[in-house]
């Protein structure tokens, strides 16, 4: 199923956006500006025009999102690669100007990328996302239907990206199975609503959150003896805020991430989904881990 056949419910706050290849050299330059705005990085960590042009010419995928006024408001960029002996695209960046976030622009760019990959007979797209950023995990695993079973410590080393500052650049590697019926259903209907209380009755939670200081949630020790088909690893929804307020607590959370994912990935589990659910006026977030079949 391609995005042209997707019939998602229209949101009241949707805006008109046109997704297409970049139109002119000025738009390539605008991609640098969008990166500076969204990543808050120094130029050493910006993908330059020369690389965007070159990779786009030799098999990469590069699309822009244009407003009704013709302004480039976001873009997506991936490079060709090989995974398990088959061609893939690795998605390097998806960036949308701050004023246009929360309007599904990123989703539309991803669907254009998916359509183009399928036209080229490519059935997988990979990406690297920060597991300490719940919004990123939700977009990759929850909204797009990717899965992950690779966790790399400090993958990029030190960067100038504001969101990386203070912590090692750990990354999870997501795989998007473009021809999967589960992926087609997820992108068509969106993530299902979860009732956290009901989920807790059916699945084990390997940790519990504790709030010793308002807004600063920590975790008790995680269980590493779970052998069930699926289980839940809960994380604070406000992890980025926690990092800004108390780096020590954020470091503890990153250590928990490393402990859980390294241990269970070796035992043939994968991060299959990321849930966000409201309970008693608060947002709760968790990774769903499942045994690989």
Protein backbone atom coordinates (compact mmCIF):
# COMPACT_ATOMS: atom_id res chain seq x y z
CA UNK A 1 0.00 0.00 0.00
CA UNK A 2 1.40 3.41 -0.98
CA UNK A 3 0.63 6.78 0.51
CA UNK A 4 -1.66 7.51 -2.43
CA UNK A 5 -3.99 4.79 -1.12
CA UNK A 6 -3.70 5.72 2.51
CA UNK A 7 -6.93 7.12 3.90
CA UNK A 8 -6.04 8.50 7.30
CA UNK A 9 -8.63 10.61 9.09
CA UNK A 10 -7.99 14.25 8.34
CA UNK A 11 -7.00 16.33 11.32
CA UNK A 12 -8.52 19.74 11.87
CA UNK A 13 -5.06 21.27 12.18
CA UNK A 14 -3.63 19.84 8.95
CA UNK A 15 -2.02 22.31 6.58
CA UNK A 16 -1.53 22.10 2.84
CA UNK A 17 1.90 20.72 2.07
CA UNK A 18 3.37 19.52 -1.21
CA UNK A 19 6.04 16.82 -1.09
CA UNK A 20 8.36 16.66 -4.09
CA UNK A 21 12.05 16.60 -5.11
CA UNK A 22 13.97 19.79 -4.38
CA UNK A 23 13.25 22.42 -6.99
CA UNK A 24 16.44 24.47 -7.30
CA UNK A 25 19.92 25.10 -5.81
CA UNK A 26 18.49 27.56 -3.30
CA UNK A 27 16.41 24.77 -1.78
CA UNK A 28 19.51 22.65 -1.25
CA UNK A 29 21.02 25.58 0.63
CA UNK A 30 17.81 25.94 2.63
CA UNK A 31 18.30 22.35 3.84
CA UNK A 32 21.42 23.54 5.65
CA UNK A 33 19.46 26.36 7.29
CA UNK A 34 16.70 23.96 8.38
CA UNK A 35 19.30 21.72 9.99
CA UNK A 36 20.79 24.64 11.90
CA UNK A 37 17.33 25.58 13.14
CA UNK A 38 16.18 22.10 14.13
CA UNK A 39 19.40 20.51 15.40
CA UNK A 40 20.95 23.66 16.89
CA UNK A 41 24.30 22.30 15.73
CA UNK A 42 27.51 23.85 14.56
CA UNK A 43 28.29 23.51 10.86
CA UNK A 44 30.62 20.54 11.42
CA UNK A 45 27.52 18.41 12.14
CA UNK A 46 25.44 19.76 9.24
CA UNK A 47 24.97 17.67 6.08
CA UNK A 48 26.31 20.05 3.41
CA UNK A 49 24.85 20.88 0.02
CA UNK A 50 27.67 19.02 -1.75
CA UNK A 51 26.81 15.75 -0.02
CA UNK A 52 23.06 16.18 -0.52
CA UNK A 53 23.63 16.74 -4.24
CA UNK A 54 26.07 13.87 -4.66
CA UNK A 55 24.10 11.23 -2.77
CA UNK A 56 20.87 12.28 -4.43
CA UNK A 57 22.54 11.77 -7.80
CA UNK A 58 23.87 8.26 -6.98
CA UNK A 59 20.77 6.68 -5.50
CA UNK A 60 19.79 8.47 -2.33
CA UNK A 61 16.28 9.74 -1.66
CA UNK A 62 15.76 13.45 -1.03
CA UNK A 63 12.35 15.10 -0.81
CA UNK A 64 11.28 18.55 0.31
CA UNK A 65 8.06 19.69 1.97
CA UNK A 66 6.73 22.94 0.49
CA UNK A 67 4.13 25.24 2.02
CA UNK A 68 1.28 26.71 -0.03
CA UNK A 69 3.53 29.74 -0.57
CA UNK A 70 6.30 27.58 -2.06
CA UNK A 71 8.60 27.84 0.96
CA UNK A 72 10.72 24.81 1.81
CA UNK A 73 9.64 23.96 5.36
CA UNK A 74 11.24 20.53 5.79
CA UNK A 75 13.08 17.72 4.06
CA UNK A 76 13.98 14.05 4.33
CA UNK A 77 17.26 12.48 3.19
CA UNK A 78 18.39 8.87 2.98
CA UNK A 79 21.40 7.08 1.52
CA UNK A 80 21.60 3.72 -0.26
CA UNK A 81 22.98 0.75 1.64
CA UNK A 82 22.85 -3.03 2.10
CA UNK A 83 21.11 -4.89 4.93
CA UNK A 84 21.20 -8.69 5.14
CA UNK A 85 22.46 -8.78 1.57
CA UNK A 86 19.58 -6.70 0.21
CA UNK A 87 19.39 -3.09 -0.93
CA UNK A 88 18.07 -0.65 1.65
CA UNK A 89 17.86 3.06 2.28
CA UNK A 90 19.23 4.46 5.52
CA UNK A 91 17.31 7.54 6.61
CA UNK A 92 19.88 10.10 7.77
CA UNK A 93 17.68 13.05 8.65
CA UNK A 94 14.07 14.19 8.78
CA UNK A 95 13.84 17.88 9.66
CA UNK A 96 10.85 20.23 9.77
CA UNK A 97 10.92 23.91 10.70
CA UNK A 98 9.64 24.53 14.24
CA UNK A 99 6.61 26.56 13.12
CA UNK A 100 5.32 23.64 11.06
CA UNK A 101 5.67 20.80 13.56
CA UNK A 102 2.62 18.91 14.84
CA UNK A 103 0.99 19.18 11.39
CA UNK A 104 2.01 15.70 10.13
CA UNK A 105 4.65 17.16 7.79
CA UNK A 106 7.18 14.59 8.98
CA UNK A 107 4.70 11.78 8.38
CA UNK A 108 4.05 12.96 4.83
CA UNK A 109 7.78 13.11 4.11
CA UNK A 110 8.19 9.56 5.42
CA UNK A 111 5.37 8.31 3.22
CA UNK A 112 6.95 9.92 0.15
CA UNK A 113 10.24 8.23 1.07
CA UNK A 114 8.42 4.90 1.43
CA UNK A 115 6.71 5.26 -1.96
CA UNK A 116 9.98 6.07 -3.69
CA UNK A 117 11.80 3.15 -2.08
CA UNK A 118 9.05 0.73 -3.15
CA UNK A 119 9.24 2.08 -6.72
CA UNK A 120 12.91 1.10 -6.66
CA UNK A 121 12.06 -2.41 -5.40
CA UNK A 122 13.56 -1.61 -1.98
CA UNK A 123 11.58 -3.17 0.86
CA UNK A 124 13.41 -1.81 3.91
CA UNK A 125 14.39 1.58 5.28
CA UNK A 126 16.59 1.85 8.36
CA UNK A 127 17.25 4.73 10.72
CA UNK A 128 19.10 5.56 13.93
CA UNK A 129 17.15 7.27 16.71
CA UNK A 130 17.93 8.36 20.25
CA UNK A 131 16.17 6.03 22.72
CA UNK A 132 16.40 8.82 25.32
CA UNK A 133 14.03 10.95 23.20
CA UNK A 134 10.50 9.56 23.73
CA UNK A 135 9.12 11.67 20.87
CA UNK A 136 11.64 10.10 18.48
CA UNK A 137 10.96 6.58 19.74
CA UNK A 138 7.22 7.14 19.42
CA UNK A 139 7.54 8.40 15.85
CA UNK A 140 9.80 5.54 14.74
CA UNK A 141 8.27 2.58 16.59
CA UNK A 142 4.79 3.78 17.47
CA UNK A 143 3.69 5.87 14.51
CA UNK A 144 5.65 4.37 11.62
CA UNK A 145 5.66 0.75 12.83
CA UNK A 146 9.42 0.15 12.81
CA UNK A 147 11.20 -2.35 15.05
CA UNK A 148 14.71 -2.43 16.50
CA UNK A 149 17.10 -5.01 17.93
CA UNK A 150 20.42 -3.14 17.77
CA UNK A 151 21.58 -0.68 20.43
CA UNK A 152 24.90 1.15 20.01
CA UNK A 153 26.64 3.00 22.84
CA UNK A 154 27.93 6.47 21.96
CA UNK A 155 27.50 5.78 18.26
CA UNK A 156 28.40 9.25 16.95
CA UNK A 157 30.82 10.21 19.69
CA UNK A 158 30.76 13.87 20.69
CA UNK A 159 28.56 16.14 18.56
CA UNK A 160 27.48 19.78 18.66
CA UNK A 161 23.79 18.85 18.48
CA UNK A 162 22.07 20.54 21.42
CA UNK A 163 19.94 17.47 22.16
CA UNK A 164 23.08 15.31 22.49
CA UNK A 165 24.93 17.55 24.90
CA UNK A 166 25.78 16.07 28.27
CA UNK A 167 25.19 12.42 27.34
CA UNK A 168 26.90 9.85 25.11
CA UNK A 169 25.21 9.61 21.70
CA UNK A 170 23.54 6.21 22.18
CA UNK A 171 21.35 5.13 19.27
CA UNK A 172 18.79 2.46 18.51
CA UNK A 173 18.66 1.17 14.93
CA UNK A 174 15.12 0.92 13.59
CA UNK A 175 14.03 -1.21 10.63
CA UNK A 176 10.98 -0.26 8.58
CA UNK A 177 9.54 -3.23 6.69
CA UNK A 178 7.84 -1.35 3.87
CA UNK A 179 5.80 -4.27 2.50
CA UNK A 180 4.64 -5.54 5.91
CA UNK A 181 0.87 -5.68 6.39
CA UNK A 182 1.37 -4.50 9.98
CA UNK A 183 3.24 -1.42 8.77
CA UNK A 184 0.58 -0.72 6.14
CA UNK A 185 -2.12 -0.87 8.81
CA UNK A 186 -0.15 1.30 11.24
CA UNK A 187 0.47 4.12 8.76
CA UNK A 188 -3.11 3.95 7.53
CA UNK A 189 -4.92 4.01 10.88
CA UNK A 190 -2.26 5.39 13.22
CA UNK A 191 -1.15 3.94 16.56
CA UNK A 192 -3.96 2.27 18.51
CA UNK A 193 -5.08 3.90 21.73
CA UNK A 194 -3.73 2.13 24.78
CA UNK A 195 -5.31 1.81 28.20
CA UNK A 196 -2.27 1.52 30.43
CA UNK A 197 -4.16 -0.11 33.28
CA UNK A 198 -5.48 -2.84 30.99
CA UNK A 199 -2.08 -3.42 29.42
CA UNK A 200 -0.53 -3.86 32.85
CA UNK A 201 -2.98 -6.67 33.56
CA UNK A 202 -1.80 -8.62 30.52
CA UNK A 203 1.91 -7.89 30.39
CA UNK A 204 4.70 -7.84 32.90
CA UNK A 205 6.47 -4.57 33.60
CA UNK A 206 10.17 -5.05 34.29
CA UNK A 207 10.54 -1.82 36.28
CA UNK A 208 8.57 0.74 38.27
CA UNK A 209 8.91 4.51 38.20
CA UNK A 210 9.47 6.47 41.39
CA UNK A 211 9.00 10.22 41.88
CA UNK A 212 11.22 11.34 44.73
CA UNK A 213 11.29 14.91 43.38
CA UNK A 214 8.31 16.39 41.48
CA UNK A 215 8.84 15.91 37.75
CA UNK A 216 12.02 13.83 38.19
CA UNK A 217 11.06 10.19 37.75
CA UNK A 218 13.64 7.52 38.44
CA UNK A 219 13.39 3.76 38.10
CA UNK A 220 13.86 0.94 40.54
CA UNK A 221 16.10 -1.92 39.46
CA UNK A 222 15.04 -3.59 36.21
CA UNK A 223 14.24 -7.28 35.95
CA UNK A 224 16.53 -9.18 33.61
CA UNK A 225 14.91 -12.59 34.07
CA UNK A 226 11.78 -12.08 31.94
CA UNK A 227 11.16 -14.88 29.43
CA UNK A 228 7.62 -14.04 28.36
CA UNK A 229 6.67 -13.40 24.75
CA UNK A 230 6.29 -9.67 25.40
CA UNK A 231 6.78 -7.25 28.28
CA UNK A 232 6.94 -3.55 29.10
CA UNK A 233 9.87 -1.30 29.98
CA UNK A 234 8.49 2.01 31.26
CA UNK A 235 10.38 5.30 30.84
CA UNK A 236 9.47 8.88 31.79
CA UNK A 237 7.63 10.73 29.04
CA UNK A 238 9.56 13.89 30.00
CA UNK A 239 13.07 12.45 29.64
CA UNK A 240 14.31 15.52 27.77
CA UNK A 241 13.06 17.78 30.56
CA UNK A 242 14.74 15.51 33.12
CA UNK A 243 18.00 15.83 31.22
CA UNK A 244 17.75 19.61 31.28
CA UNK A 245 16.94 19.68 34.99
CA UNK A 246 19.19 16.96 36.41
CA UNK A 247 21.87 15.42 34.20
CA UNK A 248 22.67 12.86 36.90
CA UNK A 249 19.16 11.37 36.73
CA UNK A 250 19.36 11.34 32.92
CA UNK A 251 22.66 9.45 33.07
CA UNK A 252 21.04 6.88 35.35
CA UNK A 253 18.27 6.45 32.80
CA UNK A 254 20.71 5.97 29.97
CA UNK A 255 22.47 3.27 31.99
CA UNK A 256 19.09 1.56 32.49
CA UNK A 257 18.51 1.73 28.73
CA UNK A 258 21.85 0.13 28.01
CA UNK A 259 21.27 -2.59 30.59
CA UNK A 260 17.80 -3.51 29.31
CA UNK A 261 18.34 -3.37 25.58
CA UNK A 262 21.76 -5.00 25.43
CA UNK A 263 20.56 -7.82 27.67
CA UNK A 264 17.27 -8.57 25.95
CA UNK A 265 18.46 -8.00 22.38
CA UNK A 266 21.02 -10.74 22.99
CA UNK A 267 18.13 -12.97 24.07
CA UNK A 268 16.38 -12.49 20.71
CA UNK A 269 13.95 -9.78 21.79
CA UNK A 270 13.23 -6.64 19.81
CA UNK A 271 11.77 -3.24 20.59
CA UNK A 272 8.47 -3.74 18.78
CA UNK A 273 6.51 -0.62 19.74
CA UNK A 274 6.49 2.52 21.85
CA UNK A 275 3.32 3.46 23.69
CA UNK A 276 2.13 6.74 25.11
CA UNK A 277 -0.98 6.67 27.28
CA UNK A 278 -2.70 9.18 29.55
CA UNK A 279 -3.45 8.07 33.09
CA UNK A 280 -4.84 10.32 35.83
CA UNK A 281 -3.93 13.39 33.80
CA UNK A 282 -0.32 12.31 33.28
CA UNK A 283 1.38 10.85 30.23
CA UNK A 284 3.03 7.47 30.63
CA UNK A 285 5.43 6.04 28.08
CA UNK A 286 6.96 2.63 27.56
CA UNK A 287 8.82 0.37 25.20
CA UNK A 288 7.16 -2.91 24.25
CA UNK A 289 9.68 -5.69 23.83
CA UNK A 290 8.72 -8.88 22.01
CA UNK A 291 10.47 -12.11 21.14
CA UNK A 292 11.46 -12.27 17.50
CA UNK A 293 9.80 -15.04 15.54
